Amino acid sequence: MVVRNCWHCHAYANMSLPALQEHFLYETGTDLIDCTFPKPDKMQEGDDNYFVIYQCDRCGYPNIAHYKHNRWDDDNDEPTLPIEWIPISAIGKEYPDVPKRVTSAASECHRCFSIGAYRATVIMARSVLEAIITEKIQDPANEHGKDKTLNMKLKDAADEGVISKRLGDLADAIKDIGNGSTHNIFEDISKDEADYVLGFMDLLIEETYQQDERLAKLAKLNQRLEQVKSDKLSGIVKEN
């Protein structure tokens, strides 16, 4: 079974070999070789790349898998995991208990990361971080009335208890990763650097939105449980 997030319907779906027109009276289904390109007689010497055209079981759109040559021992066996899918499917992330405007922007950061757009990931994630922190801290401007740097805002957030001190201690790396990208779009950003900023953003969202919402839900549940307990005790007193 071959599965992926379809580039068209974005569902995590099974990818099947498309049903081709039958060549012979008793032929049913499709062999892997029918949907594999290039064919053995068209392979270039030294080129071990090949491509298989699948069909999404959910929407029916084609998805192309890129493999390395290892299939001719048994043409009916599907190969292992593909090297890549064509077209690439950008995968976002859901953020329960977070305002929609924040969820939309943060999820887009993850979609950028999933397709290897690390520069875009960092630039956007830093923007999400700054927008959240600017709303949360008491004074986003410095003594001259100018906007503070992201690093200064994150330190203020830790000092004011908006985020934990442990998360605040990790803010220094944010200053060094991608700061130049906002001014120099040609600055190189590695996968690890983008992953770090993305992880920091997710932790900040959890601390500033999700934890408070979860605590509020627990408080409401605790209130209901206390009320049930009180009602039971009242019933016992009345019976006596």
C-alpha atoms as a PDB file:
ATOM      1  CA  MET A   1       0.000   0.000   0.000  1.00  0.00           C
ATOM      2  CA  VAL A   2       1.266   3.448  -0.957  1.00  0.00           C
ATOM      3  CA  VAL A   3      -0.123   6.459   0.926  1.00  0.00           C
ATOM      4  CA  ARG A   4       0.553  10.193   0.977  1.00  0.00           C
ATOM      5  CA  ASN A   5      -1.081  13.571   1.491  1.00  0.00           C
ATOM      6  CA  CYS A   6      -2.603  14.163  -1.931  1.00  0.00           C
ATOM      7  CA  TRP A   7      -1.508  17.437  -3.509  1.00  0.00           C
ATOM      8  CA  HIS A   8      -5.048  18.070  -4.785  1.00  0.00           C
ATOM      9  CA  CYS A   9      -7.515  17.084  -2.027  1.00  0.00           C
ATOM     10  CA  HIS A  10      -4.886  17.298   0.789  1.00  0.00           C
ATOM     11  CA  ALA A  11      -6.264  14.091   2.337  1.00  0.00           C
ATOM     12  CA  TYR A  12      -3.926  11.405   3.665  1.00  0.00           C
ATOM     13  CA  ALA A  13      -5.105   8.781   1.212  1.00  0.00           C
ATOM     14  CA  ASN A  14      -4.174   5.516  -0.444  1.00  0.00           C
ATOM     15  CA  MET A  15      -2.527   5.816  -3.854  1.00  0.00           C
ATOM     16  CA  SER A  16      -3.638   3.102  -6.287  1.00  0.00           C
ATOM     17  CA  LEU A  17      -2.520   2.166  -9.758  1.00  0.00           C
ATOM     18  CA  PRO A  18      -5.117   3.641 -12.132  1.00  0.00           C
ATOM     19  CA  ALA A  19      -7.439   1.216 -13.917  1.00  0.00           C
ATOM     20  CA  LEU A  20      -6.241   1.173 -17.510  1.00  0.00           C
ATOM     21  CA  GLN A  21      -8.146  -0.119 -20.520  1.00  0.00           C
ATOM     22  CA  GLU A  22      -7.950  -3.915 -20.706  1.00  0.00           C
ATOM     23  CA  HIS A  23      -5.536  -5.174 -23.350  1.00  0.00           C
ATOM     24  CA  PHE A  24      -6.738  -8.769 -23.386  1.00  0.00           C
ATOM     25  CA  LEU A  25     -10.059 -10.499 -22.867  1.00  0.00           C
ATOM     26  CA  TYR A  26      -9.151 -12.030 -19.515  1.00  0.00           C
ATOM     27  CA  GLU A  27      -6.900  -9.255 -18.221  1.00  0.00           C
ATOM     28  CA  THR A  28      -8.066  -7.438 -15.098  1.00  0.00           C
ATOM     29  CA  GLY A  29      -6.442  -4.672 -13.125  1.00  0.00           C
ATOM     30  CA  THR A  30      -3.208  -2.861 -13.818  1.00  0.00           C
ATOM     31  CA  ASP A  31       0.381  -4.050 -13.452  1.00  0.00           C
ATOM     32  CA  LEU A  32       2.985  -1.773 -11.932  1.00  0.00           C
ATOM     33  CA  ILE A  33       4.957  -1.816 -15.171  1.00  0.00           C
ATOM     34  CA  ASP A  34       1.983  -0.267 -16.999  1.00  0.00           C
ATOM     35  CA  CYS A  35       2.278   2.899 -14.910  1.00  0.00           C
ATOM     36  CA  THR A  36       6.071   3.064 -14.684  1.00  0.00           C
ATOM     37  CA  PHE A  37       8.215   5.418 -16.755  1.00  0.00           C
ATOM     38  CA  PRO A  38      10.636   5.259 -18.426  1.00  0.00           C
ATOM     39  CA  LYS A  39      10.166   1.690 -19.694  1.00  0.00           C
ATOM     40  CA  PRO A  40      13.143  -0.708 -19.452  1.00  0.00           C
ATOM     41  CA  ASP A  41      14.028  -0.300 -23.111  1.00  0.00           C
ATOM     42  CA  LYS A  42      14.052   3.491 -22.727  1.00  0.00           C
ATOM     43  CA  MET A  43      16.257   3.627 -19.635  1.00  0.00           C
ATOM     44  CA  GLN A  44      19.464   5.597 -20.063  1.00  0.00           C
ATOM     45  CA  GLU A  45      22.672   3.881 -18.983  1.00  0.00           C
ATOM     46  CA  GLY A  46      23.656   4.930 -15.479  1.00  0.00           C
ATOM     47  CA  ASP A  47      20.264   6.511 -14.748  1.00  0.00           C
ATOM     48  CA  ASP A  48      18.496   4.615 -11.965  1.00  0.00           C
ATOM     49  CA  ASN A  49      15.557   7.005 -11.576  1.00  0.00           C
ATOM     50  CA  TYR A  50      12.031   5.983 -12.494  1.00  0.00           C
ATOM     51  CA  PHE A  51       8.531   7.284 -11.887  1.00  0.00           C
ATOM     52  CA  VAL A  52       5.206   5.609 -11.123  1.00  0.00           C
ATOM     53  CA  ILE A  53       1.870   7.294 -11.779  1.00  0.00           C
ATOM     54  CA  TYR A  54      -0.682   6.596  -9.042  1.00  0.00           C
ATOM     55  CA  GLN A  55      -4.262   7.743  -8.578  1.00  0.00           C
ATOM     56  CA  CYS A  56      -5.594   9.162  -5.307  1.00  0.00           C
ATOM     57  CA  ASP A  57      -8.394   6.946  -3.978  1.00  0.00           C
ATOM     58  CA  ARG A  58     -10.047  10.012  -2.475  1.00  0.00           C
ATOM     59  CA  CYS A  59     -10.241  12.443  -5.402  1.00  0.00           C
ATOM     60  CA  GLY A  60      -8.950  10.473  -8.389  1.00  0.00           C
ATOM     61  CA  TYR A  61      -6.199  12.938  -9.276  1.00  0.00           C
ATOM     62  CA  PRO A  62      -2.786  11.646 -10.431  1.00  0.00           C
ATOM     63  CA  ASN A  63       0.193  11.609  -8.066  1.00  0.00           C
ATOM     64  CA  ILE A  64       3.671  10.760  -9.364  1.00  0.00           C
ATOM     65  CA  ALA A  65       6.166   8.881  -7.170  1.00  0.00           C
ATOM     66  CA  HIS A  66       9.911   9.172  -7.828  1.00  0.00           C
ATOM     67  CA  TYR A  67      11.899   6.009  -7.074  1.00  0.00           C
ATOM     68  CA  LYS A  68      15.389   4.653  -7.552  1.00  0.00           C
ATOM     69  CA  HIS A  69      15.861   1.665  -9.885  1.00  0.00           C
ATOM     70  CA  ASN A  70      15.260  -1.642  -8.056  1.00  0.00           C
ATOM     71  CA  ARG A  71      12.036  -2.888  -9.542  1.00  0.00           C
ATOM     72  CA  TRP A  72      12.842  -5.216 -12.410  1.00  0.00           C
ATOM     73  CA  ASP A  73      13.337  -8.309 -10.239  1.00  0.00           C
ATOM     74  CA  ASP A  74       9.575  -8.551  -9.818  1.00  0.00           C
ATOM     75  CA  ASP A  75       7.442  -6.085 -11.716  1.00  0.00           C
ATOM     76  CA  ASN A  76       4.313  -6.914  -9.737  1.00  0.00           C
ATOM     77  CA  ASP A  77       5.768  -5.899  -6.379  1.00  0.00           C
ATOM     78  CA  GLU A  78       5.407  -2.255  -5.479  1.00  0.00           C
ATOM     79  CA  PRO A  79       8.706  -0.589  -4.539  1.00  0.00           C
ATOM     80  CA  THR A  80       9.590   0.872  -1.174  1.00  0.00           C
ATOM     81  CA  LEU A  81       8.969   4.462  -0.087  1.00  0.00           C
ATOM     82  CA  PRO A  82       9.486   6.995  -2.892  1.00  0.00           C
ATOM     83  CA  ILE A  83      12.281   9.530  -2.820  1.00  0.00           C
ATOM     84  CA  GLU A  84       9.771  12.284  -3.471  1.00  0.00           C
ATOM     85  CA  TRP A  85       6.254  12.937  -4.699  1.00  0.00           C
ATOM     86  CA  ILE A  86       5.359  15.120  -7.663  1.00  0.00           C
ATOM     87  CA  PRO A  87       3.662  17.539  -7.215  1.00  0.00           C
ATOM     88  CA  ILE A  88       4.820  18.215  -3.674  1.00  0.00           C
ATOM     89  CA  SER A  89       2.025  18.418  -1.111  1.00  0.00           C
ATOM     90  CA  ALA A  90       2.420  21.156   1.486  1.00  0.00           C
ATOM     91  CA  ILE A  91       1.360  19.935   4.939  1.00  0.00           C
ATOM     92  CA  GLY A  92       0.190  22.388   7.575  1.00  0.00           C
ATOM     93  CA  LYS A  93      -0.615  21.914  11.245  1.00  0.00           C
ATOM     94  CA  GLU A  94      -3.763  22.249  13.332  1.00  0.00           C
ATOM     95  CA  TYR A  95      -3.739  24.334  16.507  1.00  0.00           C
ATOM     96  CA  PRO A  96      -6.735  23.609  18.753  1.00  0.00           C
ATOM     97  CA  ASP A  97      -7.776  26.341  21.185  1.00  0.00           C
ATOM     98  CA  VAL A  98      -5.891  29.012  19.217  1.00  0.00           C
ATOM     99  CA  PRO A  99      -7.445  32.042  17.432  1.00  0.00           C
ATOM    100  CA  LYS A 100      -8.056  31.378  13.741  1.00  0.00           C
ATOM    101  CA  ARG A 101      -5.845  34.245  12.570  1.00  0.00           C
ATOM    102  CA  VAL A 102      -2.887  32.789  14.494  1.00  0.00           C
ATOM    103  CA  THR A 103      -3.641  29.224  13.390  1.00  0.00           C
ATOM    104  CA  SER A 104      -3.779  30.236   9.731  1.00  0.00           C
ATOM    105  CA  ALA A 105      -0.404  31.992   9.773  1.00  0.00           C
ATOM    106  CA  ALA A 106       1.347  29.359  11.912  1.00  0.00           C
ATOM    107  CA  SER A 107       0.027  26.506   9.770  1.00  0.00           C
ATOM    108  CA  GLU A 108       1.368  28.258   6.685  1.00  0.00           C
ATOM    109  CA  CYS A 109       4.830  28.210   8.283  1.00  0.00           C
ATOM    110  CA  HIS A 110       4.586  24.425   8.533  1.00  0.00           C
ATOM    111  CA  ARG A 111       3.454  24.168   4.919  1.00  0.00           C
ATOM    112  CA  CYS A 112       6.540  26.117   3.851  1.00  0.00           C
ATOM    113  CA  PHE A 113       8.765  23.808   5.901  1.00  0.00           C
ATOM    114  CA  SER A 114       7.167  20.638   4.488  1.00  0.00           C
ATOM    115  CA  ILE A 115       8.175  21.558   0.935  1.00  0.00           C
ATOM    116  CA  GLY A 116      11.706  22.631   1.855  1.00  0.00           C
ATOM    117  CA  ALA A 117      11.100  26.392   1.698  1.00  0.00           C
ATOM    118  CA  TYR A 118      13.252  27.048   4.768  1.00  0.00           C
ATOM    119  CA  ARG A 119      13.909  30.715   4.109  1.00  0.00           C
ATOM    120  CA  ALA A 120      10.172  31.380   3.816  1.00  0.00           C
ATOM    121  CA  THR A 121       9.567  29.267   6.937  1.00  0.00           C
ATOM    122  CA  VAL A 122      11.890  31.364   9.093  1.00  0.00           C
ATOM    123  CA  ILE A 123      10.776  34.744   7.764  1.00  0.00           C
ATOM    124  CA  MET A 124       7.121  33.904   8.341  1.00  0.00           C
ATOM    125  CA  ALA A 125       7.640  32.156  11.697  1.00  0.00           C
ATOM    126  CA  ARG A 126       9.554  35.173  13.008  1.00  0.00           C
ATOM    127  CA  SER A 127       6.657  37.376  11.876  1.00  0.00           C
ATOM    128  CA  VAL A 128       4.172  35.141  13.714  1.00  0.00           C
ATOM    129  CA  LEU A 129       6.333  35.240  16.853  1.00  0.00           C
ATOM    130  CA  GLU A 130       6.591  39.016  16.757  1.00  0.00           C
ATOM    131  CA  ALA A 131       2.859  39.516  16.161  1.00  0.00           C
ATOM    132  CA  ILE A 132       1.948  37.299  19.130  1.00  0.00           C
ATOM    133  CA  ILE A 133       4.497  38.793  21.520  1.00  0.00           C
ATOM    134  CA  THR A 134       3.684  42.386  20.533  1.00  0.00           C
ATOM    135  CA  GLU A 135       0.079  41.768  21.607  1.00  0.00           C
ATOM    136  CA  LYS A 136       1.038  40.079  24.869  1.00  0.00           C
ATOM    137  CA  ILE A 137       3.752  42.267  26.425  1.00  0.00           C
ATOM    138  CA  GLN A 138       3.081  45.534  28.229  1.00  0.00           C
ATOM    139  CA  ASP A 139       5.338  47.812  26.193  1.00  0.00           C
ATOM    140  CA  PRO A 140       6.506  46.736  22.708  1.00  0.00           C
ATOM    141  CA  ALA A 141       8.240  50.111  22.162  1.00  0.00           C
ATOM    142  CA  ASN A 142      11.572  51.215  23.627  1.00  0.00           C
ATOM    143  CA  GLU A 143      12.317  54.435  25.531  1.00  0.00           C
ATOM    144  CA  HIS A 144      12.597  56.315  22.236  1.00  0.00           C
ATOM    145  CA  GLY A 145       9.146  55.189  21.134  1.00  0.00           C
ATOM    146  CA  LYS A 146      10.526  52.859  18.483  1.00  0.00           C
ATOM    147  CA  ASP A 147       9.544  49.228  18.062  1.00  0.00           C
ATOM    148  CA  LYS A 148      11.727  46.839  20.060  1.00  0.00           C
ATOM    149  CA  THR A 149      13.578  43.998  18.378  1.00  0.00           C
ATOM    150  CA  LEU A 150      12.033  40.529  18.472  1.00  0.00           C
ATOM    151  CA  ASN A 151      14.733  39.321  20.842  1.00  0.00           C
ATOM    152  CA  MET A 152      14.036  42.178  23.290  1.00  0.00           C
ATOM    153  CA  LYS A 153      10.293  41.488  23.129  1.00  0.00           C
ATOM    154  CA  LEU A 154      10.832  37.795  23.876  1.00  0.00           C
ATOM    155  CA  LYS A 155      12.985  38.668  26.896  1.00  0.00           C
ATOM    156  CA  ASP A 156      10.298  41.097  28.114  1.00  0.00           C
ATOM    157  CA  ALA A 157       7.716  38.338  27.687  1.00  0.00           C
ATOM    158  CA  ALA A 158       9.786  36.038  29.903  1.00  0.00           C
ATOM    159  CA  ASP A 159      10.303  38.775  32.521  1.00  0.00           C
ATOM    160  CA  GLU A 160       6.571  39.544  32.579  1.00  0.00           C
ATOM    161  CA  GLY A 161       5.599  35.874  32.844  1.00  0.00           C
ATOM    162  CA  VAL A 162       3.929  35.789  29.432  1.00  0.00           C
ATOM    163  CA  ILE A 163       6.185  32.860  28.554  1.00  0.00           C
ATOM    164  CA  SER A 164       8.225  30.605  30.810  1.00  0.00           C
ATOM    165  CA  LYS A 165      11.795  31.498  31.717  1.00  0.00           C
ATOM    166  CA  ARG A 166      12.957  28.248  30.098  1.00  0.00           C
ATOM    167  CA  LEU A 167      11.441  29.288  26.784  1.00  0.00           C
ATOM    168  CA  GLY A 168      12.807  32.793  27.215  1.00  0.00           C
ATOM    169  CA  ASP A 169      16.313  31.364  27.655  1.00  0.00           C
ATOM    170  CA  LEU A 170      16.034  29.841  24.176  1.00  0.00           C
ATOM    171  CA  ALA A 171      15.192  33.176  22.571  1.00  0.00           C
ATOM    172  CA  ASP A 172      18.811  34.162  21.906  1.00  0.00           C
ATOM    173  CA  ALA A 173      19.071  31.720  19.007  1.00  0.00           C
ATOM    174  CA  ILE A 174      16.054  33.334  17.343  1.00  0.00           C
ATOM    175  CA  LYS A 175      18.036  36.575  17.090  1.00  0.00           C
ATOM    176  CA  ASP A 176      20.734  34.821  15.082  1.00  0.00           C
ATOM    177  CA  ILE A 177      18.522  32.659  12.862  1.00  0.00           C
ATOM    178  CA  GLY A 178      16.903  34.423   9.957  1.00  0.00           C
ATOM    179  CA  ASN A 179      17.310  37.947  11.272  1.00  0.00           C
ATOM    180  CA  GLY A 180      19.261  38.865   8.168  1.00  0.00           C
ATOM    181  CA  SER A 181      16.612  37.290   5.939  1.00  0.00           C
ATOM    182  CA  THR A 182      14.248  40.132   6.682  1.00  0.00           C
ATOM    183  CA  HIS A 183      16.809  42.494   5.163  1.00  0.00           C
ATOM    184  CA  ASN A 184      18.763  40.173   2.859  1.00  0.00           C
ATOM    185  CA  ILE A 185      16.531  37.657   1.101  1.00  0.00           C
ATOM    186  CA  PHE A 186      19.587  35.793  -0.222  1.00  0.00           C
ATOM    187  CA  GLU A 187      20.755  34.667   3.227  1.00  0.00           C
ATOM    188  CA  ASP A 188      20.983  30.865   3.421  1.00  0.00           C
ATOM    189  CA  ILE A 189      18.780  29.081   5.959  1.00  0.00           C
ATOM    190  CA  SER A 190      19.389  25.416   6.834  1.00  0.00           C
ATOM    191  CA  LYS A 191      16.714  22.834   7.604  1.00  0.00           C
ATOM    192  CA  ASP A 192      17.863  22.619  11.239  1.00  0.00           C
ATOM    193  CA  GLU A 193      17.647  26.397  11.653  1.00  0.00           C
ATOM    194  CA  ALA A 194      14.140  26.471  10.198  1.00  0.00           C
ATOM    195  CA  ASP A 195      13.123  23.523  12.385  1.00  0.00           C
ATOM    196  CA  TYR A 196      14.405  25.333  15.493  1.00  0.00           C
ATOM    197  CA  VAL A 197      12.443  28.517  14.798  1.00  0.00           C
ATOM    198  CA  LEU A 198       9.338  26.483  13.949  1.00  0.00           C
ATOM    199  CA  GLY A 199       9.622  24.490  17.175  1.00  0.00           C
ATOM    200  CA  PHE A 200      10.092  27.684  19.187  1.00  0.00           C
ATOM    201  CA  MET A 201       6.994  29.183  17.539  1.00  0.00           C
ATOM    202  CA  ASP A 202       4.907  26.111  18.424  1.00  0.00           C
ATOM    203  CA  LEU A 203       6.045  26.210  22.058  1.00  0.00           C
ATOM    204  CA  LEU A 204       5.245  29.905  22.282  1.00  0.00           C
ATOM    205  CA  ILE A 205       1.759  29.328  20.835  1.00  0.00           C
ATOM    206  CA  GLU A 206       1.208  26.536  23.346  1.00  0.00           C
ATOM    207  CA  GLU A 207       2.264  28.699  26.293  1.00  0.00           C
ATOM    208  CA  THR A 208       0.414  31.864  25.261  1.00  0.00           C
ATOM    209  CA  TYR A 209      -2.842  30.349  23.963  1.00  0.00           C
ATOM    210  CA  GLN A 210      -3.324  26.614  24.412  1.00  0.00           C
ATOM    211  CA  GLN A 211      -2.282  26.234  28.053  1.00  0.00           C
ATOM    212  CA  ASP A 212      -4.591  29.037  29.210  1.00  0.00           C
ATOM    213  CA  GLU A 213      -7.510  27.583  27.261  1.00  0.00           C
ATOM    214  CA  ARG A 214      -6.894  24.100  28.635  1.00  0.00           C
ATOM    215  CA  LEU A 215      -6.674  25.462  32.172  1.00  0.00           C
ATOM    216  CA  ALA A 216      -9.933  27.362  31.634  1.00  0.00           C
ATOM    217  CA  LYS A 217     -11.635  24.170  30.452  1.00  0.00           C
ATOM    218  CA  LEU A 218     -10.303  22.260  33.454  1.00  0.00           C
ATOM    219  CA  ALA A 219     -11.529  25.012  35.772  1.00  0.00           C
ATOM    220  CA  LYS A 220     -15.040  24.784  34.290  1.00  0.00           C
ATOM    221  CA  LEU A 221     -14.999  20.996  34.610  1.00  0.00           C
ATOM    222  CA  ASN A 222     -13.785  21.267  38.202  1.00  0.00           C
ATOM    223  CA  GLN A 223     -16.621  23.694  38.948  1.00  0.00           C
ATOM    224  CA  ARG A 224     -19.182  21.251  37.555  1.00  0.00           C
ATOM    225  CA  LEU A 225     -17.706  18.354  39.535  1.00  0.00           C
ATOM    226  CA  GLU A 226     -17.757  20.420  42.724  1.00  0.00           C
ATOM    227  CA  GLN A 227     -21.388  21.308  42.052  1.00  0.00           C
ATOM    228  CA  VAL A 228     -22.286  17.639  41.557  1.00  0.00           C
ATOM    229  CA  LYS A 229     -20.501  16.783  44.795  1.00  0.00           C
ATOM    230  CA  SER A 230     -22.305  19.597  46.597  1.00  0.00           C
ATOM    231  CA  ASP A 231     -25.681  18.477  45.223  1.00  0.00           C
ATOM    232  CA  LYS A 232     -25.056  14.925  46.401  1.00  0.00           C
ATOM    233  CA  LEU A 233     -24.110  16.106  49.884  1.00  0.00           C
ATOM    234  CA  SER A 234     -27.190  18.337  50.008  1.00  0.00           C
ATOM    235  CA  GLY A 235     -29.338  15.355  49.094  1.00  0.00           C
ATOM    236  CA  ILE A 236     -27.828  13.280  51.882  1.00  0.00           C
ATOM    237  CA  VAL A 237     -28.429  16.068  54.424  1.00  0.00           C
ATOM    238  CA  LYS A 238     -32.068  16.437  53.349  1.00  0.00           C
ATOM    239  CA  GLU A 239     -32.651  12.677  53.671  1.00  0.00           C
ATOM    240  CA  ASN A 240     -31.317  12.754  57.219  1.00  0.00           C
END
